[in-house]
Amino acid sequence: KKTYREKGFLFIQTKENRCIIIPERVFKNGEETEKLYNFVKEQIAKNTIE
């Protein structure tokens, strides 16, 4: 459905309307965090049927 970043966490909303929360501190650096965030956003956009 959607994904967003807020206060050091990545939030990924699933199609079952649940939320996966990943703390950014588990990544080595900001670049790694940004890569995952962009990948998830792309996948959601590709697989979401409005």
PDB file of N, CA and C in Angstrom:
ATOM      1  N   LYS A   1       0.818  -1.192   0.000  1.00  0.00           N
ATOM      2  CA  LYS A   1       0.000   0.000   0.000  1.00  0.00           C
ATOM      3  C   LYS A   1       0.856   1.248   0.000  1.00  0.00           C
ATOM      4  N   LYS A   2       1.631   1.461   1.058  1.00  0.00           N
ATOM      5  CA  LYS A   2       2.507   2.632   1.076  1.00  0.00           C
ATOM      6  C   LYS A   2       3.642   2.417   2.058  1.00  0.00           C
ATOM      7  N   THR A   3       4.641   3.256   1.925  1.00  0.00           N
ATOM      8  CA  THR A   3       5.788   3.217   2.824  1.00  0.00           C
ATOM      9  C   THR A   3       6.228   4.647   3.109  1.00  0.00           C
ATOM     10  N   TYR A   4       6.741   4.852   4.311  1.00  0.00           N
ATOM     11  CA  TYR A   4       7.238   6.184   4.650  1.00  0.00           C
ATOM     12  C   TYR A   4       8.284   6.074   5.747  1.00  0.00           C
ATOM     13  N   ARG A   5       9.067   7.145   5.896  1.00  0.00           N
ATOM     14  CA  ARG A   5      10.094   7.229   6.932  1.00  0.00           C
ATOM     15  C   ARG A   5       9.692   8.309   7.915  1.00  0.00           C
ATOM     16  N   GLU A   6       9.904   7.993   9.206  1.00  0.00           N
ATOM     17  CA  GLU A   6       9.583   8.979  10.234  1.00  0.00           C
ATOM     18  C   GLU A   6      10.370   8.681  11.499  1.00  0.00           C
ATOM     19  N   LYS A   7      11.056   9.683  12.008  1.00  0.00           N
ATOM     20  CA  LYS A   7      11.761   9.622  13.296  1.00  0.00           C
ATOM     21  C   LYS A   7      12.635   8.377  13.457  1.00  0.00           C
ATOM     22  N   GLY A   8      13.407   8.044  12.413  1.00  0.00           N
ATOM     23  CA  GLY A   8      14.345   6.934  12.512  1.00  0.00           C
ATOM     24  C   GLY A   8      13.768   5.559  12.245  1.00  0.00           C
ATOM     25  N   PHE A   9      12.580   5.486  11.671  1.00  0.00           N
ATOM     26  CA  PHE A   9      11.956   4.210  11.365  1.00  0.00           C
ATOM     27  C   PHE A   9      11.412   4.200   9.943  1.00  0.00           C
ATOM     28  N   LEU A  10      11.404   3.002   9.323  1.00  0.00           N
ATOM     29  CA  LEU A  10      10.725   2.793   8.050  1.00  0.00           C
ATOM     30  C   LEU A  10       9.401   2.110   8.361  1.00  0.00           C
ATOM     31  N   PHE A  11       8.328   2.612   7.808  1.00  0.00           N
ATOM     32  CA  PHE A  11       7.004   2.029   7.988  1.00  0.00           C
ATOM     33  C   PHE A  11       6.536   1.511   6.639  1.00  0.00           C
ATOM     34  N   ILE A  12       6.147   0.233   6.591  1.00  0.00           N
ATOM     35  CA  ILE A  12       5.663  -0.374   5.362  1.00  0.00           C
ATOM     36  C   ILE A  12       4.272  -0.922   5.641  1.00  0.00           C
ATOM     37  N   GLN A  13       3.278  -0.350   4.978  1.00  0.00           N
ATOM     38  CA  GLN A  13       1.902  -0.798   5.158  1.00  0.00           C
ATOM     39  C   GLN A  13       1.632  -1.931   4.179  1.00  0.00           C
ATOM     40  N   THR A  14       1.129  -3.056   4.671  1.00  0.00           N
ATOM     41  CA  THR A  14       0.845  -4.209   3.825  1.00  0.00           C
ATOM     42  C   THR A  14      -0.572  -4.136   3.278  1.00  0.00           C
ATOM     43  N   LYS A  15      -0.860  -5.015   2.306  1.00  0.00           N
ATOM     44  CA  LYS A  15      -2.208  -4.998   1.734  1.00  0.00           C
ATOM     45  C   LYS A  15      -3.254  -5.509   2.725  1.00  0.00           C
ATOM     46  N   GLU A  16      -2.821  -6.192   3.772  1.00  0.00           N
ATOM     47  CA  GLU A  16      -3.746  -6.625   4.829  1.00  0.00           C
ATOM     48  C   GLU A  16      -3.970  -5.508   5.840  1.00  0.00           C
ATOM     49  N   ASN A  17      -3.440  -4.325   5.526  1.00  0.00           N
ATOM     50  CA  ASN A  17      -3.566  -3.130   6.356  1.00  0.00           C
ATOM     51  C   ASN A  17      -2.815  -3.262   7.684  1.00  0.00           C
ATOM     52  N   ARG A  18      -1.760  -4.043   7.672  1.00  0.00           N
ATOM     53  CA  ARG A  18      -0.862  -4.137   8.820  1.00  0.00           C
ATOM     54  C   ARG A  18       0.360  -3.286   8.532  1.00  0.00           C
ATOM     55  N   CYS A  19       1.200  -3.088   9.522  1.00  0.00           N
ATOM     56  CA  CYS A  19       2.370  -2.234   9.337  1.00  0.00           C
ATOM     57  C   CYS A  19       3.631  -2.967   9.792  1.00  0.00           C
ATOM     58  N   ILE A  20       4.642  -2.981   8.923  1.00  0.00           N
ATOM     59  CA  ILE A  20       5.953  -3.517   9.262  1.00  0.00           C
ATOM     60  C   ILE A  20       6.819  -2.309   9.613  1.00  0.00           C
ATOM     61  N   ILE A  21       7.462  -2.357  10.756  1.00  0.00           N
ATOM     62  CA  ILE A  21       8.286  -1.234  11.210  1.00  0.00           C
ATOM     63  C   ILE A  21       9.732  -1.709  11.326  1.00  0.00           C
ATOM     64  N   ILE A  22      10.626  -1.003  10.625  1.00  0.00           N
ATOM     65  CA  ILE A  22      12.047  -1.351  10.643  1.00  0.00           C
ATOM     66  C   ILE A  22      12.832  -0.152  11.173  1.00  0.00           C
ATOM     67  N   PRO A  23      13.552  -0.322  12.285  1.00  0.00           N
ATOM     68  CA  PRO A  23      14.365   0.797  12.773  1.00  0.00           C
ATOM     69  C   PRO A  23      15.546   1.035  11.828  1.00  0.00           C
ATOM     70  N   GLU A  24      15.809   2.291  11.512  1.00  0.00           N
ATOM     71  CA  GLU A  24      16.901   2.626  10.598  1.00  0.00           C
ATOM     72  C   GLU A  24      18.259   2.243  11.167  1.00  0.00           C
ATOM     73  N   ARG A  25      18.377   2.096  12.466  1.00  0.00           N
ATOM     74  CA  ARG A  25      19.673   1.785  13.083  1.00  0.00           C
ATOM     75  C   ARG A  25      20.189   0.394  12.700  1.00  0.00           C
ATOM     76  N   VAL A  26      19.344  -0.482  12.144  1.00  0.00           N
ATOM     77  CA  VAL A  26      19.805  -1.815  11.743  1.00  0.00           C
ATOM     78  C   VAL A  26      20.635  -1.772  10.462  1.00  0.00           C
ATOM     79  N   PHE A  27      20.632  -0.641   9.770  1.00  0.00           N
ATOM     80  CA  PHE A  27      21.399  -0.500   8.538  1.00  0.00           C
ATOM     81  C   PHE A  27      22.771   0.088   8.830  1.00  0.00           C
ATOM     82  N   LYS A  28      23.732  -0.218   7.962  1.00  0.00           N
ATOM     83  CA  LYS A  28      25.104   0.275   8.142  1.00  0.00           C
ATOM     84  C   LYS A  28      25.183   1.786   8.053  1.00  0.00           C
ATOM     85  N   ASN A  29      24.403   2.360   7.127  1.00  0.00           N
ATOM     86  CA  ASN A  29      24.479   3.804   6.909  1.00  0.00           C
ATOM     87  C   ASN A  29      23.199   4.309   6.238  1.00  0.00           C
ATOM     88  N   GLY A  30      23.127   5.606   6.061  1.00  0.00           N
ATOM     89  CA  GLY A  30      21.953   6.220   5.458  1.00  0.00           C
ATOM     90  C   GLY A  30      21.726   5.795   4.022  1.00  0.00           C
ATOM     91  N   GLU A  31      22.812   5.503   3.309  1.00  0.00           N
ATOM     92  CA  GLU A  31      22.679   5.068   1.908  1.00  0.00           C
ATOM     93  C   GLU A  31      21.947   3.730   1.822  1.00  0.00           C
ATOM     94  N   GLU A  32      22.289   2.805   2.709  1.00  0.00           N
ATOM     95  CA  GLU A  32      21.634   1.497   2.751  1.00  0.00           C
ATOM     96  C   GLU A  32      20.142   1.655   3.074  1.00  0.00           C
ATOM     97  N   THR A  33      19.842   2.509   4.015  1.00  0.00           N
ATOM     98  CA  THR A  33      18.451   2.778   4.389  1.00  0.00           C
ATOM     99  C   THR A  33      17.686   3.334   3.201  1.00  0.00           C
ATOM    100  N   GLU A  34      18.280   4.290   2.513  1.00  0.00           N
ATOM    101  CA  GLU A  34      17.636   4.929   1.365  1.00  0.00           C
ATOM    102  C   GLU A  34      17.398   3.930   0.238  1.00  0.00           C
ATOM    103  N   LYS A  35      18.348   3.016   0.014  1.00  0.00           N
ATOM    104  CA  LYS A  35      18.195   1.995  -1.032  1.00  0.00           C
ATOM    105  C   LYS A  35      16.983   1.112  -0.741  1.00  0.00           C
ATOM    106  N   LEU A  36      16.866   0.639   0.491  1.00  0.00           N
ATOM    107  CA  LEU A  36      15.731  -0.214   0.843  1.00  0.00           C
ATOM    108  C   LEU A  36      14.426   0.559   0.725  1.00  0.00           C
ATOM    109  N   TYR A  37      14.408   1.763   1.231  1.00  0.00           N
ATOM    110  CA  TYR A  37      13.205   2.599   1.177  1.00  0.00           C
ATOM    111  C   TYR A  37      12.748   2.788  -0.270  1.00  0.00           C
ATOM    112  N   ASN A  38      13.673   3.141  -1.157  1.00  0.00           N
ATOM    113  CA  ASN A  38      13.326   3.343  -2.563  1.00  0.00           C
ATOM    114  C   ASN A  38      12.887   2.046  -3.231  1.00  0.00           C
ATOM    115  N   PHE A  39      13.540   0.928  -2.900  1.00  0.00           N
ATOM    116  CA  PHE A  39      13.157  -0.365  -3.461  1.00  0.00           C
ATOM    117  C   PHE A  39      11.728  -0.729  -3.061  1.00  0.00           C
ATOM    118  N   VAL A  40      11.415  -0.584  -1.800  1.00  0.00           N
ATOM    119  CA  VAL A  40      10.071  -0.921  -1.315  1.00  0.00           C
ATOM    120  C   VAL A  40       9.029  -0.024  -1.981  1.00  0.00           C
ATOM    121  N   LYS A  41       9.315   1.278  -2.082  1.00  0.00           N
ATOM    122  CA  LYS A  41       8.381   2.200  -2.740  1.00  0.00           C
ATOM    123  C   LYS A  41       8.137   1.795  -4.188  1.00  0.00           C
ATOM    124  N   GLU A  42       9.198   1.425  -4.911  1.00  0.00           N
ATOM    125  CA  GLU A  42       9.067   0.995  -6.307  1.00  0.00           C
ATOM    126  C   GLU A  42       8.217  -0.262  -6.412  1.00  0.00           C
ATOM    127  N   GLN A  43       8.471  -1.230  -5.545  1.00  0.00           N
ATOM    128  CA  GLN A  43       7.725  -2.487  -5.594  1.00  0.00           C
ATOM    129  C   GLN A  43       6.245  -2.265  -5.296  1.00  0.00           C
ATOM    130  N   ILE A  44       5.961  -1.417  -4.342  1.00  0.00           N
ATOM    131  CA  ILE A  44       4.565  -1.115  -4.020  1.00  0.00           C
ATOM    132  C   ILE A  44       3.898  -0.445  -5.213  1.00  0.00           C
ATOM    133  N   ALA A  45       4.584   0.504  -5.837  1.00  0.00           N
ATOM    134  CA  ALA A  45       4.023   1.202  -6.997  1.00  0.00           C
ATOM    135  C   ALA A  45       3.765   0.235  -8.154  1.00  0.00           C
ATOM    136  N   LYS A  46       4.671  -0.706  -8.382  1.00  0.00           N
ATOM    137  CA  LYS A  46       4.526  -1.675  -9.477  1.00  0.00           C
ATOM    138  C   LYS A  46       3.393  -2.660  -9.222  1.00  0.00           C
ATOM    139  N   ASN A  47       3.159  -2.992  -7.967  1.00  0.00           N
ATOM    140  CA  ASN A  47       2.223  -4.064  -7.639  1.00  0.00           C
ATOM    141  C   ASN A  47       0.908  -3.599  -7.035  1.00  0.00           C
ATOM    142  N   THR A  48       0.674  -2.313  -7.031  1.00  0.00           N
ATOM    143  CA  THR A  48      -0.565  -1.791  -6.473  1.00  0.00           C
ATOM    144  C   THR A  48      -1.555  -1.532  -7.595  1.00  0.00           C
ATOM    145  N   ILE A  49      -2.698  -2.132  -7.472  1.00  0.00           N
ATOM    146  CA  ILE A  49      -3.775  -1.901  -8.434  1.00  0.00           C
ATOM    147  C   ILE A  49      -4.803  -1.032  -7.746  1.00  0.00           C
ATOM    148  N   GLU A  50      -4.976   0.146  -8.266  1.00  0.00           N
ATOM    149  CA  GLU A  50      -5.931   1.097  -7.668  1.00  0.00           C
ATOM    150  C   GLU A  50      -7.333   0.768  -8.120  1.00  0.00           C
TER     151      GLU A  50
END
